[in-house]
C-alpha atoms as a PDB file:
ATOM      1  CA  MET A   1      -3.124 369.872  61.641  1.00  0.00           C
ATOM      2  CA  LEU A   2      -7.181 369.245  61.187  1.00  0.00           C
ATOM      3  CA  HIS A   3      -6.811 368.106  57.648  1.00  0.00           C
ATOM      4  CA  ILE A   4      -3.822 365.765  58.291  1.00  0.00           C
ATOM      5  CA  CYS A   5      -5.993 364.345  61.358  1.00  0.00           C
ATOM      6  CA  ALA A   6      -9.125 364.228  59.237  1.00  0.00           C
ATOM      7  CA  LEU A   7      -7.175 362.402  56.595  1.00  0.00           C
ATOM      8  CA  ALA A   8      -5.223 359.818  58.812  1.00  0.00           C
ATOM      9  CA  TYR A   9      -8.604 358.958  59.750  1.00  0.00           C
ATOM     10  CA  MET A  10     -10.258 358.444  56.513  1.00  0.00           C
ATOM     11  CA  SER A  11      -6.972 356.498  55.264  1.00  0.00           C
ATOM     12  CA  ASP A  12      -7.814 353.541  57.604  1.00  0.00           C
ATOM     13  CA  LEU A  13     -11.544 353.065  56.321  1.00  0.00           C
ATOM     14  CA  THR A  14     -11.348 351.502  53.232  1.00  0.00           C
ATOM     15  CA  LEU A  15      -7.687 350.213  52.838  1.00  0.00           C
ATOM     16  CA  LEU A  16      -8.133 346.756  53.865  1.00  0.00           C
ATOM     17  CA  GLY A  17     -10.926 346.543  51.383  1.00  0.00           C
ATOM     18  CA  SER A  18      -8.320 346.211  48.582  1.00  0.00           C
ATOM     19  CA  ALA A  19      -7.072 342.834  50.208  1.00  0.00           C
ATOM     20  CA  GLN A  20     -10.878 341.322  50.112  1.00  0.00           C
ATOM     21  CA  VAL A  21     -11.612 341.938  46.174  1.00  0.00           C
ATOM     22  CA  ASN A  22     -11.312 338.222  45.586  1.00  0.00           C
ATOM     23  CA  HIS A  23     -13.459 337.659  48.471  1.00  0.00           C
ATOM     24  CA  LEU A  24     -16.478 340.201  47.940  1.00  0.00           C
ATOM     25  CA  HIS A  25     -18.806 337.193  47.812  1.00  0.00           C
ATOM     26  CA  GLU A  26     -17.629 336.017  51.260  1.00  0.00           C
ATOM     27  CA  ARG A  27     -17.287 339.747  52.745  1.00  0.00           C
ATOM     28  CA  GLU A  28     -19.763 339.115  55.617  1.00  0.00           C
ATOM     29  CA  HIS A  29     -17.629 336.126  56.862  1.00  0.00           C
ATOM     30  CA  LEU A  30     -14.352 337.874  56.769  1.00  0.00           C
ATOM     31  CA  GLN A  31     -12.864 339.296  60.090  1.00  0.00           C
ATOM     32  CA  VAL A  32     -10.688 342.390  59.471  1.00  0.00           C
ATOM     33  CA  ALA A  33      -8.785 344.457  61.902  1.00  0.00           C
ATOM     34  CA  SER A  34      -5.742 347.098  61.400  1.00  0.00           C
ATOM     35  CA  LEU A  35      -2.749 345.629  62.934  1.00  0.00           C
ATOM     36  CA  ASP A  36      -0.353 348.834  62.015  1.00  0.00           C
ATOM     37  CA  HIS A  37      -1.116 351.717  59.657  1.00  0.00           C
ATOM     38  CA  ALA A  38       1.856 354.213  58.579  1.00  0.00           C
ATOM     39  CA  MET A  39       1.521 357.522  56.749  1.00  0.00           C
ATOM     40  CA  TRP A  40       3.697 359.772  55.057  1.00  0.00           C
ATOM     41  CA  PHE A  41       2.567 363.524  54.068  1.00  0.00           C
ATOM     42  CA  MET A  42       4.277 365.044  51.074  1.00  0.00           C
ATOM     43  CA  ARG A  43       2.625 368.397  51.011  1.00  0.00           C
ATOM     44  CA  SER A  44      -0.016 370.534  52.282  1.00  0.00           C
ATOM     45  CA  PHE A  45      -3.629 369.818  51.490  1.00  0.00           C
ATOM     46  CA  ARG A  46      -7.176 370.102  52.365  1.00  0.00           C
ATOM     47  CA  ALA A  47      -9.305 367.196  53.478  1.00  0.00           C
ATOM     48  CA  ASP A  48     -12.524 368.896  52.552  1.00  0.00           C
ATOM     49  CA  GLU A  49     -11.650 369.169  48.878  1.00  0.00           C
ATOM     50  CA  TRP A  50     -11.491 366.053  46.073  1.00  0.00           C
ATOM     51  CA  LEU A  51      -8.937 363.427  46.768  1.00  0.00           C
ATOM     52  CA  LEU A  52      -8.124 360.435  44.819  1.00  0.00           C
ATOM     53  CA  TYR A  53      -7.154 357.194  47.126  1.00  0.00           C
ATOM     54  CA  ASP A  54      -5.359 354.822  45.039  1.00  0.00           C
ATOM     55  CA  GLN A  55      -5.516 351.339  46.865  1.00  0.00           C
ATOM     56  CA  SER A  56      -3.727 348.131  46.118  1.00  0.00           C
ATOM     57  CA  SER A  57      -2.997 345.030  48.196  1.00  0.00           C
ATOM     58  CA  PRO A  58       0.300 343.246  46.925  1.00  0.00           C
ATOM     59  CA  SER A  59      -0.098 340.235  49.090  1.00  0.00           C
ATOM     60  CA  ALA A  60      -2.708 338.472  51.055  1.00  0.00           C
ATOM     61  CA  GLY A  61      -2.873 335.135  52.842  1.00  0.00           C
ATOM     62  CA  GLY A  62      -2.448 333.131  55.806  1.00  0.00           C
ATOM     63  CA  GLY A  63      -4.857 335.574  57.748  1.00  0.00           C
ATOM     64  CA  ARG A  64      -2.876 338.808  56.941  1.00  0.00           C
ATOM     65  CA  ALA A  65      -2.827 341.211  54.249  1.00  0.00           C
ATOM     66  CA  LEU A  66      -0.301 344.181  53.133  1.00  0.00           C
ATOM     67  CA  THR A  67      -1.872 347.379  51.455  1.00  0.00           C
ATOM     68  CA  HIS A  68      -0.445 350.426  49.851  1.00  0.00           C
ATOM     69  CA  GLY A  69      -2.234 353.665  49.283  1.00  0.00           C
ATOM     70  CA  LYS A  70      -1.366 357.015  47.480  1.00  0.00           C
ATOM     71  CA  ILE A  71      -3.641 359.905  47.935  1.00  0.00           C
ATOM     72  CA  PHE A  72      -3.777 362.339  44.993  1.00  0.00           C
ATOM     73  CA  THR A  73      -5.025 366.000  44.416  1.00  0.00           C
ATOM     74  CA  GLN A  74      -7.515 366.939  41.573  1.00  0.00           C
ATOM     75  CA  ARG A  75      -4.556 368.405  40.213  1.00  0.00           C
ATOM     76  CA  GLY A  76      -2.789 365.053  40.590  1.00  0.00           C
ATOM     77  CA  GLU A  77      -0.181 366.042  43.484  1.00  0.00           C
ATOM     78  CA  LEU A  78       0.662 363.199  45.572  1.00  0.00           C
ATOM     79  CA  VAL A  79      -0.249 364.349  49.096  1.00  0.00           C
ATOM     80  CA  ALA A  80       0.088 361.334  51.041  1.00  0.00           C
ATOM     81  CA  ALA A  81       1.361 357.823  51.004  1.00  0.00           C
ATOM     82  CA  VAL A  82      -0.078 354.780  53.372  1.00  0.00           C
ATOM     83  CA  VAL A  83       1.154 351.450  54.081  1.00  0.00           C
ATOM     84  CA  GLN A  84      -1.198 349.228  56.167  1.00  0.00           C
ATOM     85  CA  GLU A  85      -0.913 345.565  57.450  1.00  0.00           C
ATOM     86  CA  GLY A  86      -3.981 344.007  58.735  1.00  0.00           C
ATOM     87  CA  LEU A  87      -5.759 340.611  60.013  1.00  0.00           C
ATOM     88  CA  THR A  88      -8.041 339.344  57.266  1.00  0.00           C
ATOM     89  CA  ARG A  89      -9.558 335.647  57.955  1.00  0.00           C
ATOM     90  CA  TYR A  90     -12.693 334.157  58.273  1.00  0.00           C
ATOM     91  CA  ARG A  91     -14.764 334.211  61.101  1.00  0.00           C
ATOM     92  CA  HIS A  92     -14.594 331.123  63.510  1.00  0.00           C
ATOM     93  CA  GLY A  93     -16.662 328.098  62.256  1.00  0.00           C
ATOM     94  CA  TYR A  94     -17.335 329.563  58.721  1.00  0.00           C
ATOM     95  CA  GLN A  95     -16.062 326.941  56.164  1.00  0.00           C
ATOM     96  CA  PRO A  96     -15.341 328.556  52.555  1.00  0.00           C
END
């Protein structure tokens, strides 16, 4: 259970960043917050071993972003899938 909890925590740290790729030069002006976060665990794993986190954002706009993630072991086994919706908007007063 410790490894599941650790991976759930880690999976939330960077996923919304995949929706900000086109706005990297304005990143300090963005307000970002997780609205919901869902995970599915496919097989056992160790969170203290090497894991690859493949992240993408199929849609972002209107202050919201949808992001997907897949987490693989070093052997290429899918251990978890993640979907997150987040708030991504400019901070109050900033004009792009």
